[in-house]
Amino acid sequence: MGRIFEVRKSTMFARYDRMAKQFSRVGKEIAIAVKKAGPDPDTNPMLRRVMQNAKGFNMPKDRIEAAIKNAMGKDTSNYDEVLYEGYGPHGIALLVVTATDNTTRTVANVRSHFNKGGGTLGNSGSVAFMFKHLGVFKLKPEGLSIDDMELELIDAGLEELGEDADGNIIVRCGFSDFGNMQKALEDKGITPISSELEYVPMNTVAISEEQSEDIFKLIARLEEDDDVQQVFHNMA
């Protein structure tokens, strides 16, 4: 029984850590969104997206509202979104999105993670050209026709339309068309499961399962950093 309890306790703490990381990420995204365009989600598409995603993984409404209120305070940390580029082991390109109030600390930590994980932090522009910056919307498939949506969303900047492994509909548009696509879906009464700005590789690199473990270890190391929001790669 003791061993079973330890496993359950370990699983519980792992879930708590993931939730805490998600809540921290959302808090920083809310702070950035509010500083850019104000606290009203009706006139701030970025804030509306963040709030929508927060509800998707059950962040309590009062915590969302508190984060917005805190972001309006004069003493709140000013977070900047900074993108770091580099290579992991086996020639895999990595993009690391951070939200930081101290770039000196963040770049030192990110460089350390790369070095310890067998990678190399690069200069700006060394890796980003391998990726497309896209808006990615995940939709429930019920009541939706992919063929109809393809025609209806072209004017909103649709670039790709398909399904994921779970059968959800995935809509992709260019970074600059994110707001247009968001509004087009809202006008149709469609509430996405999630909506993100992602870096999607234009080409992927095939490596062995053993080699991929080295990449996942580096990604895990990066994602544990409090300043890191997202990590993207071009591994097949």
Protein backbone atom coordinates (compact mmCIF):
# COMPACT_ATOMS: atom_id res chain seq x y z
CA MET A 1 0.00 0.00 0.00
CA GLY A 2 2.86 2.32 0.81
CA ARG A 3 4.29 2.02 -2.68
CA ILE A 4 0.89 2.62 -4.29
CA PHE A 5 0.41 5.69 -2.14
CA GLU A 6 3.81 7.04 -3.16
CA VAL A 7 2.98 6.59 -6.84
CA ARG A 8 -0.36 8.34 -6.42
CA LYS A 9 1.25 11.14 -4.43
CA SER A 10 3.95 11.58 -7.07
CA THR A 11 1.31 11.74 -9.82
CA MET A 12 -0.69 14.28 -7.85
CA PHE A 13 2.35 16.55 -7.40
CA ALA A 14 3.21 16.23 -11.10
CA ARG A 15 -0.30 17.36 -12.03
CA TYR A 16 -0.07 20.23 -9.56
CA ASP A 17 3.26 21.33 -11.04
CA ARG A 18 1.82 21.28 -14.57
CA MET A 19 -1.21 23.28 -13.45
CA ALA A 20 0.96 25.79 -11.59
CA LYS A 21 3.12 26.23 -14.70
CA GLN A 22 0.02 26.75 -16.86
CA PHE A 23 -1.43 29.31 -14.46
CA SER A 24 1.92 31.14 -14.29
CA ARG A 25 2.16 31.20 -18.08
CA VAL A 26 -1.37 32.58 -18.41
CA GLY A 27 -0.69 35.23 -15.76
CA LYS A 28 2.27 36.53 -17.76
CA GLU A 29 0.32 36.39 -21.04
CA ILE A 30 -2.48 38.38 -19.43
CA ALA A 31 0.01 40.96 -18.15
CA ILE A 32 1.52 41.36 -21.64
CA ALA A 33 -1.91 41.55 -23.30
CA VAL A 34 -3.28 44.13 -20.85
CA LYS A 35 -0.19 46.33 -21.16
CA LYS A 36 -0.49 46.24 -24.96
CA ALA A 37 -4.21 46.85 -25.46
CA GLY A 38 -6.01 47.31 -22.16
CA PRO A 39 -8.13 45.15 -19.83
CA ASP A 40 -11.29 44.84 -21.93
CA PRO A 41 -11.40 41.49 -23.79
CA ASP A 42 -14.06 42.86 -26.16
CA THR A 43 -11.53 45.27 -27.63
CA ASN A 44 -8.37 43.24 -26.94
CA PRO A 45 -8.17 40.10 -29.13
CA MET A 46 -4.95 38.93 -27.48
CA LEU A 47 -6.51 39.08 -24.02
CA ARG A 48 -9.63 37.35 -25.30
CA ARG A 49 -7.47 34.51 -26.65
CA VAL A 50 -5.58 34.10 -23.38
CA MET A 51 -8.79 34.07 -21.31
CA GLN A 52 -10.33 31.50 -23.65
CA ASN A 53 -7.33 29.20 -23.30
CA ALA A 54 -7.30 29.65 -19.52
CA LYS A 55 -10.88 28.43 -19.32
CA GLY A 56 -9.88 25.48 -21.51
CA PHE A 57 -7.69 24.02 -18.76
CA ASN A 58 -10.03 25.05 -15.94
CA MET A 59 -8.28 28.09 -14.54
CA PRO A 60 -10.80 29.57 -12.06
CA LYS A 61 -12.61 32.70 -13.20
CA ASP A 62 -11.59 34.62 -10.08
CA ARG A 63 -7.91 33.90 -10.79
CA ILE A 64 -8.29 35.16 -14.35
CA GLU A 65 -9.98 38.35 -13.12
CA ALA A 66 -7.33 38.81 -10.43
CA ALA A 67 -4.56 38.47 -13.03
CA ILE A 68 -6.21 41.17 -15.17
CA LYS A 69 -6.56 43.45 -12.14
CA ASN A 70 -2.94 42.86 -11.13
CA ALA A 71 -1.79 43.63 -14.67
CA MET A 72 -3.37 47.08 -14.37
CA GLY A 73 -1.45 47.89 -11.19
CA LYS A 74 1.45 50.32 -11.22
CA ASP A 75 3.71 47.98 -9.22
CA THR A 76 3.22 45.00 -11.52
CA SER A 77 6.27 43.58 -13.26
CA ASN A 78 6.50 44.55 -16.91
CA TYR A 79 6.97 41.37 -18.91
CA ASP A 80 8.42 41.36 -22.40
CA GLU A 81 8.06 38.46 -24.80
CA VAL A 82 11.53 37.48 -26.05
CA LEU A 83 12.32 34.75 -28.57
CA TYR A 84 15.53 32.73 -28.28
CA GLU A 85 16.87 30.52 -31.06
CA GLY A 86 19.30 27.65 -31.04
CA TYR A 87 20.16 24.09 -31.89
CA GLY A 88 19.67 21.05 -29.72
CA PRO A 89 21.55 17.77 -30.10
CA HIS A 90 21.54 16.06 -33.51
CA GLY A 91 20.98 19.31 -35.41
CA ILE A 92 17.40 19.92 -34.22
CA ALA A 93 16.34 23.58 -34.35
CA LEU A 94 14.62 25.03 -31.29
CA LEU A 95 12.67 28.23 -30.70
CA VAL A 96 12.13 29.26 -27.08
CA VAL A 97 9.40 31.80 -26.31
CA THR A 98 9.92 33.57 -22.98
CA ALA A 99 8.09 36.18 -20.94
CA THR A 100 10.58 38.00 -18.78
CA ASP A 101 11.06 41.05 -16.59
CA ASN A 102 14.84 40.53 -16.61
CA THR A 103 16.40 39.64 -19.95
CA THR A 104 19.90 39.36 -18.45
CA ARG A 105 18.72 36.57 -16.14
CA THR A 106 16.66 34.88 -18.82
CA VAL A 107 19.31 34.71 -21.54
CA ALA A 108 21.85 33.37 -19.02
CA ASN A 109 19.44 30.64 -17.92
CA VAL A 110 18.42 29.70 -21.46
CA ARG A 111 22.07 29.51 -22.56
CA SER A 112 22.83 27.29 -19.55
CA HIS A 113 19.94 24.95 -20.42
CA PHE A 114 21.18 24.63 -24.00
CA ASN A 115 24.75 23.95 -22.89
CA LYS A 116 23.79 21.36 -20.29
CA GLY A 117 21.42 19.70 -22.75
CA GLY A 118 24.04 19.30 -25.44
CA GLY A 119 22.83 22.21 -27.56
CA THR A 120 23.95 25.70 -28.53
CA LEU A 121 22.12 29.00 -28.16
CA GLY A 122 22.24 30.90 -31.45
CA ASN A 123 21.86 34.50 -32.56
CA SER A 124 18.61 36.15 -33.58
CA GLY A 125 17.61 34.90 -37.02
CA SER A 126 19.73 31.75 -36.89
CA VAL A 127 16.74 29.40 -36.64
CA ALA A 128 13.49 31.37 -36.97
CA PHE A 129 13.63 31.36 -40.77
CA MET A 130 12.95 27.60 -40.66
CA PHE A 131 9.54 28.17 -39.07
CA LYS A 132 6.28 29.85 -40.03
CA HIS A 133 4.62 31.99 -37.34
CA LEU A 134 0.97 30.92 -37.45
CA GLY A 135 -2.27 31.31 -35.59
CA VAL A 136 -3.59 27.85 -34.71
CA PHE A 137 -7.22 27.28 -33.69
CA LYS A 138 -8.48 23.93 -32.39
CA LEU A 139 -12.23 23.39 -32.88
CA LYS A 140 -14.72 20.73 -31.85
CA PRO A 141 -15.87 18.96 -35.04
CA GLU A 142 -19.56 18.67 -34.09
CA GLY A 143 -21.78 20.50 -36.56
CA LEU A 144 -18.88 21.71 -38.69
CA SER A 145 -18.03 20.83 -42.30
CA ILE A 146 -14.38 21.10 -43.32
CA ASP A 147 -15.35 21.68 -46.96
CA ASP A 148 -17.69 24.54 -46.07
CA MET A 149 -15.21 26.09 -43.65
CA GLU A 150 -12.46 26.05 -46.24
CA LEU A 151 -14.53 28.29 -48.50
CA GLU A 152 -15.86 30.49 -45.72
CA LEU A 153 -12.52 31.20 -44.02
CA ILE A 154 -10.32 31.96 -47.02
CA ASP A 155 -11.03 35.69 -46.77
CA ALA A 156 -10.01 35.60 -43.09
CA GLY A 157 -6.52 34.39 -44.02
CA LEU A 158 -6.90 30.61 -43.90
CA GLU A 159 -3.64 28.82 -44.77
CA GLU A 160 -4.24 25.25 -43.63
CA LEU A 161 -7.26 23.23 -42.52
CA GLY A 162 -7.25 19.67 -41.23
CA GLU A 163 -7.76 17.35 -38.27
CA ASP A 164 -5.57 16.22 -35.40
CA ALA A 165 -5.22 12.70 -34.01
CA ASP A 166 -8.25 13.24 -31.74
CA GLY A 167 -10.54 14.28 -34.61
CA ASN A 168 -10.55 17.98 -33.70
CA ILE A 169 -10.50 20.47 -36.56
CA ILE A 170 -7.28 22.50 -36.81
CA VAL A 171 -7.40 25.90 -38.51
CA ARG A 172 -4.14 27.70 -39.30
CA CYS A 173 -3.65 31.25 -40.50
CA GLY A 174 -0.76 33.68 -40.82
CA PHE A 175 0.40 35.57 -37.72
CA SER A 176 -0.88 38.87 -39.11
CA ASP A 177 -4.32 37.33 -39.80
CA PHE A 178 -4.86 36.01 -36.29
CA GLY A 179 -7.32 38.74 -35.32
CA ASN A 180 -9.24 38.37 -38.59
CA MET A 181 -9.57 34.61 -38.13
CA GLN A 182 -10.57 34.99 -34.50
CA LYS A 183 -13.34 37.41 -35.47
CA ALA A 184 -14.48 35.20 -38.38
CA LEU A 185 -14.93 32.23 -36.06
CA GLU A 186 -16.69 34.36 -33.45
CA ASP A 187 -19.08 35.72 -36.10
CA LYS A 188 -20.01 32.12 -36.92
CA GLY A 189 -20.67 31.37 -33.26
CA ILE A 190 -17.69 29.03 -33.02
CA THR A 191 -15.78 28.95 -29.72
CA PRO A 192 -12.36 27.28 -30.17
CA ILE A 193 -11.11 24.69 -27.71
CA SER A 194 -7.87 26.64 -27.83
CA SER A 195 -6.18 29.30 -29.96
CA GLU A 196 -2.45 29.84 -29.99
CA LEU A 197 0.30 31.60 -31.86
CA GLU A 198 2.73 28.85 -32.80
CA TYR A 199 5.97 28.42 -34.72
CA VAL A 200 5.42 25.58 -37.18
CA PRO A 201 8.49 24.11 -38.94
CA MET A 202 8.48 24.33 -42.74
CA ASN A 203 10.51 21.11 -42.88
CA THR A 204 11.17 18.47 -40.23
CA VAL A 205 14.25 16.42 -39.42
CA ALA A 206 13.97 12.67 -38.88
CA ILE A 207 16.11 11.24 -36.07
CA SER A 208 16.14 7.97 -34.16
CA GLU A 209 14.02 7.31 -31.09
CA GLU A 210 17.15 7.26 -28.95
CA GLN A 211 18.27 10.63 -30.34
CA SER A 212 14.81 12.12 -29.81
CA GLU A 213 15.12 11.37 -26.09
CA ASP A 214 18.03 13.82 -25.94
CA ILE A 215 15.83 16.52 -27.49
CA PHE A 216 12.92 15.84 -25.15
CA LYS A 217 15.25 16.08 -22.15
CA LEU A 218 16.46 19.50 -23.31
CA ILE A 219 12.90 20.66 -23.99
CA ALA A 220 11.83 19.48 -20.51
CA ARG A 221 14.76 21.35 -18.97
CA LEU A 222 13.76 24.53 -20.81
CA GLU A 223 10.06 24.21 -19.97
CA GLU A 224 10.87 23.92 -16.26
CA ASP A 225 12.34 27.44 -16.36
CA ASP A 226 9.92 29.99 -14.92
CA ASP A 227 10.61 32.46 -17.75
CA VAL A 228 9.92 29.98 -20.56
CA GLN A 229 6.42 30.00 -22.05
CA GLN A 230 6.70 27.64 -25.03
CA VAL A 231 9.31 25.60 -26.89
CA PHE A 232 9.03 24.68 -30.59
CA HIS A 233 11.22 22.30 -32.60
CA ASN A 234 11.58 20.87 -36.11
CA MET A 235 11.95 17.24 -35.06
CA ALA A 236 9.82 14.87 -37.16
